[in-house]
C-alpha atoms as a PDB file:
ATOM      1  CA  MET A   1     239.487 359.789 217.469  1.00  0.00           C
ATOM      2  CA  SER A   2     243.116 360.298 218.402  1.00  0.00           C
ATOM      3  CA  ARG A   3     245.567 361.171 215.683  1.00  0.00           C
ATOM      4  CA  SER A   4     248.617 361.501 217.916  1.00  0.00           C
ATOM      5  CA  GLY A   5     251.459 359.017 217.991  1.00  0.00           C
ATOM      6  CA  GLY A   6     251.862 356.178 220.476  1.00  0.00           C
ATOM      7  CA  SER A   7     249.088 354.885 222.701  1.00  0.00           C
ATOM      8  CA  GLY A   8     247.951 358.152 224.307  1.00  0.00           C
ATOM      9  CA  GLY A   9     244.621 359.894 223.781  1.00  0.00           C
ATOM     10  CA  PRO A  10     241.184 358.384 223.190  1.00  0.00           C
ATOM     11  CA  GLY A  11     242.519 355.594 220.973  1.00  0.00           C
ATOM     12  CA  GLY A  12     244.821 354.440 223.756  1.00  0.00           C
ATOM     13  CA  ASP A  13     241.975 354.701 226.285  1.00  0.00           C
ATOM     14  CA  ARG A  14     239.773 352.503 224.097  1.00  0.00           C
ATOM     15  CA  HIS A  15     242.587 349.978 223.751  1.00  0.00           C
ATOM     16  CA  ARG A  16     243.230 349.875 227.498  1.00  0.00           C
ATOM     17  CA  ALA A  17     239.504 349.301 228.048  1.00  0.00           C
ATOM     18  CA  THR A  18     239.822 345.921 226.279  1.00  0.00           C
ATOM     19  CA  SER A  19     243.420 344.996 227.177  1.00  0.00           C
ATOM     20  CA  ASN A  20     242.309 342.677 230.030  1.00  0.00           C
ATOM     21  CA  LEU A  21     239.544 340.998 228.057  1.00  0.00           C
ATOM     22  CA  SER A  22     240.015 337.587 226.484  1.00  0.00           C
ATOM     23  CA  SER A  23     239.648 337.285 222.723  1.00  0.00           C
ATOM     24  CA  SER A  24     236.406 335.379 223.358  1.00  0.00           C
ATOM     25  CA  ALA A  25     235.002 338.185 225.536  1.00  0.00           C
ATOM     26  CA  GLN A  26     235.962 340.708 222.851  1.00  0.00           C
ATOM     27  CA  GLU A  27     234.140 338.591 220.239  1.00  0.00           C
ATOM     28  CA  TYR A  28     230.967 338.633 222.365  1.00  0.00           C
ATOM     29  CA  LEU A  29     231.131 342.409 222.893  1.00  0.00           C
ATOM     30  CA  LEU A  30     231.713 343.066 219.193  1.00  0.00           C
ATOM     31  CA  THR A  31     228.902 340.713 218.174  1.00  0.00           C
ATOM     32  CA  LEU A  32     226.476 342.390 220.596  1.00  0.00           C
ATOM     33  CA  ARG A  33     227.486 345.842 219.309  1.00  0.00           C
ATOM     34  CA  ILE A  34     226.972 344.831 215.678  1.00  0.00           C
ATOM     35  CA  MET A  35     223.701 342.948 216.207  1.00  0.00           C
ATOM     36  CA  ALA A  36     222.228 345.835 218.205  1.00  0.00           C
ATOM     37  CA  GLY A  37     223.666 348.460 215.872  1.00  0.00           C
ATOM     38  CA  ASP A  38     220.331 349.717 214.528  1.00  0.00           C
ATOM     39  CA  GLY A  39     218.416 349.531 217.792  1.00  0.00           C
ATOM     40  CA  SER A  40     217.486 345.843 217.661  1.00  0.00           C
ATOM     41  CA  ARG A  41     216.729 344.068 220.937  1.00  0.00           C
ATOM     42  CA  ILE A  42     219.235 341.268 221.433  1.00  0.00           C
ATOM     43  CA  THR A  43     219.221 338.285 223.807  1.00  0.00           C
ATOM     44  CA  ALA A  44     221.921 335.801 224.782  1.00  0.00           C
ATOM     45  CA  SER A  45     220.252 333.075 222.702  1.00  0.00           C
ATOM     46  CA  GLN A  46     220.455 335.253 219.569  1.00  0.00           C
ATOM     47  CA  VAL A  47     224.156 335.917 220.141  1.00  0.00           C
ATOM     48  CA  ALA A  48     224.668 332.202 220.798  1.00  0.00           C
ATOM     49  CA  ARG A  49     223.120 331.298 217.434  1.00  0.00           C
ATOM     50  CA  LYS A  50     225.301 333.858 215.672  1.00  0.00           C
ATOM     51  CA  LEU A  51     228.491 332.575 217.297  1.00  0.00           C
ATOM     52  CA  GLY A  52     227.574 328.893 217.029  1.00  0.00           C
ATOM     53  CA  VAL A  53     227.693 328.228 220.788  1.00  0.00           C
ATOM     54  CA  SER A  54     225.133 327.045 223.327  1.00  0.00           C
ATOM     55  CA  THR A  55     222.787 329.495 224.990  1.00  0.00           C
ATOM     56  CA  GLN A  56     224.228 328.358 228.328  1.00  0.00           C
ATOM     57  CA  ALA A  57     227.780 329.281 227.224  1.00  0.00           C
ATOM     58  CA  ALA A  58     226.634 332.680 225.955  1.00  0.00           C
ATOM     59  CA  SER A  59     224.663 333.382 229.129  1.00  0.00           C
ATOM     60  CA  GLU A  60     227.687 332.529 231.255  1.00  0.00           C
ATOM     61  CA  MET A  61     229.903 334.876 229.237  1.00  0.00           C
ATOM     62  CA  PHE A  62     227.387 337.705 229.527  1.00  0.00           C
ATOM     63  CA  ARG A  63     227.181 337.115 233.301  1.00  0.00           C
ATOM     64  CA  ARG A  64     230.947 337.657 233.467  1.00  0.00           C
ATOM     65  CA  LEU A  65     230.712 340.760 231.306  1.00  0.00           C
ATOM     66  CA  ALA A  66     227.880 342.040 233.513  1.00  0.00           C
ATOM     67  CA  ASN A  67     230.063 341.485 236.597  1.00  0.00           C
ATOM     68  CA  ASP A  68     232.753 343.555 234.871  1.00  0.00           C
ATOM     69  CA  GLY A  69     230.239 346.357 234.319  1.00  0.00           C
ATOM     70  CA  LEU A  70     230.267 346.021 230.534  1.00  0.00           C
ATOM     71  CA  VAL A  71     226.803 344.553 229.902  1.00  0.00           C
ATOM     72  CA  ALA A  72     223.439 345.066 231.606  1.00  0.00           C
ATOM     73  CA  LEU A  73     220.485 342.687 231.490  1.00  0.00           C
ATOM     74  CA  ALA A  74     217.349 344.709 230.779  1.00  0.00           C
ATOM     75  CA  GLU A  75     213.695 343.721 230.978  1.00  0.00           C
ATOM     76  CA  GLY A  76     212.772 340.611 229.035  1.00  0.00           C
ATOM     77  CA  ARG A  77     216.340 339.244 229.011  1.00  0.00           C
ATOM     78  CA  GLU A  78     217.430 341.970 226.603  1.00  0.00           C
ATOM     79  CA  LEU A  79     221.187 342.621 226.647  1.00  0.00           C
ATOM     80  CA  GLN A  80     222.486 346.167 226.612  1.00  0.00           C
ATOM     81  CA  LEU A  81     226.006 347.561 226.550  1.00  0.00           C
ATOM     82  CA  THR A  82     226.758 349.855 229.469  1.00  0.00           C
ATOM     83  CA  THR A  83     228.669 353.092 228.842  1.00  0.00           C
ATOM     84  CA  ALA A  84     231.905 351.279 229.672  1.00  0.00           C
ATOM     85  CA  GLY A  85     230.832 348.350 227.524  1.00  0.00           C
ATOM     86  CA  ARG A  86     230.080 350.616 224.568  1.00  0.00           C
ATOM     87  CA  THR A  87     233.522 352.237 224.915  1.00  0.00           C
ATOM     88  CA  ALA A  88     235.169 348.819 224.949  1.00  0.00           C
ATOM     89  CA  ALA A  89     233.060 347.551 222.035  1.00  0.00           C
ATOM     90  CA  ASP A  90     233.815 350.701 220.018  1.00  0.00           C
ATOM     91  CA  GLY A  91     237.520 350.073 220.536  1.00  0.00           C
ATOM     92  CA  ILE A  92     237.162 346.514 219.265  1.00  0.00           C
ATOM     93  CA  PHE A  93     235.024 347.655 216.320  1.00  0.00           C
ATOM     94  CA  ARG A  94     237.571 350.373 215.473  1.00  0.00           C
ATOM     95  CA  ARG A  95     240.397 347.819 215.238  1.00  0.00           C
ATOM     96  CA  HIS A  96     238.116 345.513 213.237  1.00  0.00           C
ATOM     97  CA  ALA A  97     237.279 348.358 210.822  1.00  0.00           C
ATOM     98  CA  LEU A  98     240.938 349.325 210.399  1.00  0.00           C
ATOM     99  CA  CYS A  99     241.757 345.695 209.580  1.00  0.00           C
ATOM    100  CA  GLU A 100     238.916 345.618 207.042  1.00  0.00           C
ATOM    101  CA  TRP A 101     240.204 348.786 205.332  1.00  0.00           C
ATOM    102  CA  LEU A 102     243.691 347.281 205.211  1.00  0.00           C
ATOM    103  CA  LEU A 103     242.471 343.958 203.815  1.00  0.00           C
ATOM    104  CA  THR A 104     240.060 345.388 201.233  1.00  0.00           C
ATOM    105  CA  GLU A 105     241.936 348.459 199.976  1.00  0.00           C
ATOM    106  CA  ILE A 106     245.569 347.357 200.277  1.00  0.00           C
ATOM    107  CA  VAL A 107     245.627 343.551 200.407  1.00  0.00           C
ATOM    108  CA  GLY A 108     242.746 343.283 197.917  1.00  0.00           C
ATOM    109  CA  LEU A 109     240.343 340.877 199.641  1.00  0.00           C
ATOM    110  CA  GLY A 110     236.580 340.991 199.094  1.00  0.00           C
ATOM    111  CA  TRP A 111     234.175 342.370 201.679  1.00  0.00           C
ATOM    112  CA  ALA A 112     232.960 339.037 203.074  1.00  0.00           C
ATOM    113  CA  GLU A 113     236.424 337.475 203.248  1.00  0.00           C
ATOM    114  CA  SER A 114     237.961 340.565 204.832  1.00  0.00           C
ATOM    115  CA  ASP A 115     235.346 340.523 207.599  1.00  0.00           C
ATOM    116  CA  ALA A 116     236.327 336.984 208.609  1.00  0.00           C
ATOM    117  CA  GLU A 117     240.046 337.746 208.419  1.00  0.00           C
ATOM    118  CA  ALA A 118     239.630 340.963 210.419  1.00  0.00           C
ATOM    119  CA  GLU A 119     238.076 338.948 213.256  1.00  0.00           C
ATOM    120  CA  ARG A 120     241.321 336.957 213.460  1.00  0.00           C
ATOM    121  CA  LEU A 121     243.547 340.036 213.448  1.00  0.00           C
ATOM    122  CA  GLN A 122     241.731 342.568 215.631  1.00  0.00           C
ATOM    123  CA  ALA A 123     242.593 341.126 219.048  1.00  0.00           C
ATOM    124  CA  ALA A 124     246.329 340.977 218.252  1.00  0.00           C
ATOM    125  CA  ILE A 125     246.804 344.655 217.321  1.00  0.00           C
ATOM    126  CA  SER A 126     248.837 346.725 219.773  1.00  0.00           C
ATOM    127  CA  PRO A 127     248.094 350.435 220.386  1.00  0.00           C
ATOM    128  CA  ARG A 128     251.171 351.394 218.355  1.00  0.00           C
ATOM    129  CA  VAL A 129     250.152 349.289 215.349  1.00  0.00           C
ATOM    130  CA  GLU A 130     246.577 350.557 215.638  1.00  0.00           C
ATOM    131  CA  GLN A 131     247.821 354.153 215.418  1.00  0.00           C
ATOM    132  CA  GLN A 132     250.119 353.358 212.485  1.00  0.00           C
ATOM    133  CA  LEU A 133     247.231 351.706 210.647  1.00  0.00           C
ATOM    134  CA  ASP A 134     245.017 354.716 211.322  1.00  0.00           C
ATOM    135  CA  ASP A 135     247.681 357.022 209.856  1.00  0.00           C
ATOM    136  CA  LEU A 136     248.298 354.759 206.843  1.00  0.00           C
ATOM    137  CA  LEU A 137     244.578 354.527 206.053  1.00  0.00           C
ATOM    138  CA  GLY A 138     243.922 358.266 206.356  1.00  0.00           C
ATOM    139  CA  HIS A 139     241.992 358.229 209.662  1.00  0.00           C
ATOM    140  CA  PRO A 140     238.721 356.581 208.524  1.00  0.00           C
ATOM    141  CA  GLN A 141     235.604 357.509 210.480  1.00  0.00           C
ATOM    142  CA  THR A 142     233.649 354.501 209.204  1.00  0.00           C
ATOM    143  CA  CYS A 143     234.262 350.893 208.278  1.00  0.00           C
ATOM    144  CA  PRO A 144     234.460 350.103 204.523  1.00  0.00           C
ATOM    145  CA  HIS A 145     230.687 349.539 204.546  1.00  0.00           C
ATOM    146  CA  GLY A 146     230.036 353.064 205.834  1.00  0.00           C
ATOM    147  CA  ASN A 147     229.127 352.299 209.448  1.00  0.00           C
ATOM    148  CA  PRO A 148     230.467 354.818 212.015  1.00  0.00           C
ATOM    149  CA  ILE A 149     233.570 353.669 213.825  1.00  0.00           C
ATOM    150  CA  ASP A 150     232.298 354.769 217.255  1.00  0.00           C
ATOM    151  CA  ALA A 151     229.303 356.339 219.026  1.00  0.00           C
ATOM    152  CA  GLU A 152     230.706 359.876 218.913  1.00  0.00           C
ATOM    153  CA  ILE A 153     231.074 359.789 215.134  1.00  0.00           C
ATOM    154  CA  ALA A 154     227.625 358.174 214.773  1.00  0.00           C
ATOM    155  CA  ARG A 155     226.055 361.166 216.525  1.00  0.00           C
ATOM    156  CA  ARG A 156     227.614 363.565 214.001  1.00  0.00           C
ATOM    157  CA  ARG A 157     226.538 361.701 210.880  1.00  0.00           C
ATOM    158  CA  PRO A 158     223.074 361.469 209.262  1.00  0.00           C
ATOM    159  CA  ALA A 159     221.155 358.231 209.765  1.00  0.00           C
ATOM    160  CA  GLY A 160     220.215 357.722 206.108  1.00  0.00           C
ATOM    161  CA  GLU A 161     217.011 356.192 204.747  1.00  0.00           C
ATOM    162  CA  PRO A 162     216.288 352.524 203.911  1.00  0.00           C
ATOM    163  CA  LEU A 163     216.812 351.811 200.215  1.00  0.00           C
ATOM    164  CA  SER A 164     213.604 349.755 200.361  1.00  0.00           C
ATOM    165  CA  GLU A 165     211.591 352.951 200.909  1.00  0.00           C
ATOM    166  CA  THR A 166     213.010 354.799 197.897  1.00  0.00           C
ATOM    167  CA  ASP A 167     210.397 355.305 195.206  1.00  0.00           C
ATOM    168  CA  ALA A 168     210.793 354.460 191.525  1.00  0.00           C
ATOM    169  CA  GLY A 169     212.413 357.287 189.578  1.00  0.00           C
ATOM    170  CA  GLN A 170     214.356 358.650 192.533  1.00  0.00           C
ATOM    171  CA  ARG A 171     218.112 359.171 192.439  1.00  0.00           C
ATOM    172  CA  ALA A 172     220.105 358.479 195.599  1.00  0.00           C
ATOM    173  CA  THR A 173     223.584 357.804 196.955  1.00  0.00           C
ATOM    174  CA  ILE A 174     224.457 354.555 198.717  1.00  0.00           C
ATOM    175  CA  TYR A 175     225.320 355.717 202.231  1.00  0.00           C
ATOM    176  CA  ARG A 176     226.021 352.650 204.332  1.00  0.00           C
ATOM    177  CA  ILE A 177     225.568 348.893 204.420  1.00  0.00           C
ATOM    178  CA  THR A 178     224.154 348.379 207.918  1.00  0.00           C
ATOM    179  CA  GLU A 179     225.645 346.083 210.547  1.00  0.00           C
ATOM    180  CA  ALA A 180     222.754 343.664 210.000  1.00  0.00           C
ATOM    181  CA  ALA A 181     223.633 343.449 206.290  1.00  0.00           C
ATOM    182  CA  GLU A 182     227.286 342.860 207.194  1.00  0.00           C
ATOM    183  CA  GLU A 183     226.147 339.653 208.896  1.00  0.00           C
ATOM    184  CA  ASP A 184     224.914 338.276 205.531  1.00  0.00           C
ATOM    185  CA  ALA A 185     228.003 337.213 203.551  1.00  0.00           C
ATOM    186  CA  ALA A 186     225.978 336.448 200.401  1.00  0.00           C
ATOM    187  CA  LEU A 187     224.354 339.889 200.453  1.00  0.00           C
ATOM    188  CA  LEU A 188     227.720 341.587 201.027  1.00  0.00           C
ATOM    189  CA  SER A 189     229.232 339.724 198.083  1.00  0.00           C
ATOM    190  CA  TYR A 190     226.291 340.638 195.816  1.00  0.00           C
ATOM    191  CA  LEU A 191     226.429 344.337 196.714  1.00  0.00           C
ATOM    192  CA  GLU A 192     230.179 344.408 196.150  1.00  0.00           C
ATOM    193  CA  ALA A 193     229.887 342.570 192.809  1.00  0.00           C
ATOM    194  CA  ARG A 194     227.321 345.138 191.604  1.00  0.00           C
ATOM    195  CA  GLY A 195     229.521 348.055 192.730  1.00  0.00           C
ATOM    196  CA  LEU A 196     226.992 349.154 195.347  1.00  0.00           C
ATOM    197  CA  ARG A 197     229.412 350.600 197.854  1.00  0.00           C
ATOM    198  CA  PRO A 198     229.134 353.783 199.957  1.00  0.00           C
ATOM    199  CA  GLY A 199     229.386 356.912 197.810  1.00  0.00           C
ATOM    200  CA  THR A 200     228.037 355.385 194.587  1.00  0.00           C
ATOM    201  CA  HIS A 201     225.013 356.892 192.842  1.00  0.00           C
ATOM    202  CA  ILE A 202     221.927 354.893 191.931  1.00  0.00           C
ATOM    203  CA  THR A 203     218.517 355.430 190.366  1.00  0.00           C
ATOM    204  CA  VAL A 204     215.600 353.256 191.450  1.00  0.00           C
ATOM    205  CA  LEU A 205     213.937 351.927 188.304  1.00  0.00           C
ATOM    206  CA  ALA A 206     211.094 349.941 189.882  1.00  0.00           C
ATOM    207  CA  ARG A 207     209.791 349.088 193.326  1.00  0.00           C
ATOM    208  CA  SER A 208     207.078 346.471 193.865  1.00  0.00           C
ATOM    209  CA  GLU A 209     205.471 345.550 197.185  1.00  0.00           C
ATOM    210  CA  SER A 210     203.604 342.655 195.554  1.00  0.00           C
ATOM    211  CA  LEU A 211     206.765 341.188 194.015  1.00  0.00           C
ATOM    212  CA  ASP A 212     208.807 342.100 197.118  1.00  0.00           C
ATOM    213  CA  SER A 213     211.583 343.505 194.955  1.00  0.00           C
ATOM    214  CA  LEU A 214     213.397 346.646 193.929  1.00  0.00           C
ATOM    215  CA  THR A 215     215.348 347.186 190.718  1.00  0.00           C
ATOM    216  CA  LEU A 216     217.939 349.913 190.419  1.00  0.00           C
ATOM    217  CA  ASP A 217     220.504 351.225 187.984  1.00  0.00           C
ATOM    218  CA  GLY A 218     223.942 351.427 189.569  1.00  0.00           C
ATOM    219  CA  PRO A 219     227.565 351.901 188.547  1.00  0.00           C
ATOM    220  CA  LEU A 220     227.723 348.419 186.997  1.00  0.00           C
ATOM    221  CA  GLY A 221     224.244 348.369 185.479  1.00  0.00           C
ATOM    222  CA  ARG A 222     220.999 346.955 186.808  1.00  0.00           C
ATOM    223  CA  ALA A 223     220.702 345.186 190.142  1.00  0.00           C
ATOM    224  CA  THR A 224     217.679 343.619 191.819  1.00  0.00           C
ATOM    225  CA  LEU A 225     217.161 343.255 195.561  1.00  0.00           C
ATOM    226  CA  GLY A 226     214.356 341.907 197.686  1.00  0.00           C
ATOM    227  CA  LEU A 227     212.764 344.582 199.850  1.00  0.00           C
ATOM    228  CA  ARG A 228     214.041 342.927 203.041  1.00  0.00           C
ATOM    229  CA  PRO A 229     217.737 343.067 202.076  1.00  0.00           C
ATOM    230  CA  ALA A 230     217.152 346.501 200.520  1.00  0.00           C
ATOM    231  CA  ALA A 231     215.922 347.650 203.945  1.00  0.00           C
ATOM    232  CA  LEU A 232     219.403 346.847 205.306  1.00  0.00           C
ATOM    233  CA  VAL A 233     221.024 349.382 202.957  1.00  0.00           C
ATOM    234  CA  ARG A 234     220.857 353.075 203.820  1.00  0.00           C
ATOM    235  CA  VAL A 235     220.851 355.824 201.176  1.00  0.00           C
ATOM    236  CA  LEU A 236     220.838 359.611 201.055  1.00  0.00           C
ATOM    237  CA  PRO A 237     218.597 361.409 198.516  1.00  0.00           C
ATOM    238  CA  GLY A 238     220.276 362.783 195.406  1.00  0.00           C
ATOM    239  CA  ASP A 239     224.020 363.405 195.271  1.00  0.00           C
ATOM    240  CA  ALA A 240     225.357 363.262 198.831  1.00  0.00           C
ATOM    241  CA  ASP A 241     228.290 365.252 200.202  1.00  0.00           C
ATOM    242  CA  PRO A 242     231.472 363.417 199.051  1.00  0.00           C
ATOM    243  CA  SER A 243     233.192 364.198 202.368  1.00  0.00           C
ATOM    244  CA  LEU A 244     230.904 361.650 204.047  1.00  0.00           C
ATOM    245  CA  PHE A 245     232.721 358.827 202.250  1.00  0.00           C
ATOM    246  CA  HIS A 246     236.229 357.804 203.211  1.00  0.00           C
ATOM    247  CA  ARG A 247     238.846 357.006 200.598  1.00  0.00           C
ATOM    248  CA  VAL A 248     242.183 355.486 201.537  1.00  0.00           C
ATOM    249  CA  PRO A 249     245.017 357.795 200.401  1.00  0.00           C
ATOM    250  CA  ALA A 250     246.994 356.704 197.353  1.00  0.00           C
ATOM    251  CA  ARG A 251     250.377 355.280 198.241  1.00  0.00           C
END
């Protein structure tokens, strides 16, 4: 990512890629990027349900985005971001992530609330403000939940393992709260309340397929998760490299 001043460099290129898109089109691109973040196959009807619009309205928007070369319709009505679409969506996600860092670490909002507020702010950020935010926040390479800010950074970082597959007695480090988990406000709030944020150490105390649950010891004591939500949290075995986890510089 660019660390130079002004709107030049890759950051400016990403911003220009979305400068002609409406806020609604940007919302669709960001939603598709997040929903397909872990390789899920996404259709217009799924995006429509997420955004609370009709399937017809979503299909029409994706037809426009396809005409702009940002989205491709694959076999079985599956939607895919093109290379240009991924660049544009990464730019939107980057501004969203910067807003989330600002709102959580400086303004003091919770994870779930900051996500909603970031959606309101991201489309209004100019290239200059985006760069100033990046400098202020110490050039984060992930969002506050640990998800890579763009495809290039994702390729350089480990994938992590589902918490749901960690055996009892194992120690691990919370690595990232996946994009799918970010869509569940109740789960986000629970993880935050139990201190289960990227970079924290945990020990799995019990894991039961029959009870569909996992109990762990974390920074704020015991926490229990169903195996399905636990599958949306990625961990690294043992004590992970601290440099993988961004911390906003003290002011």
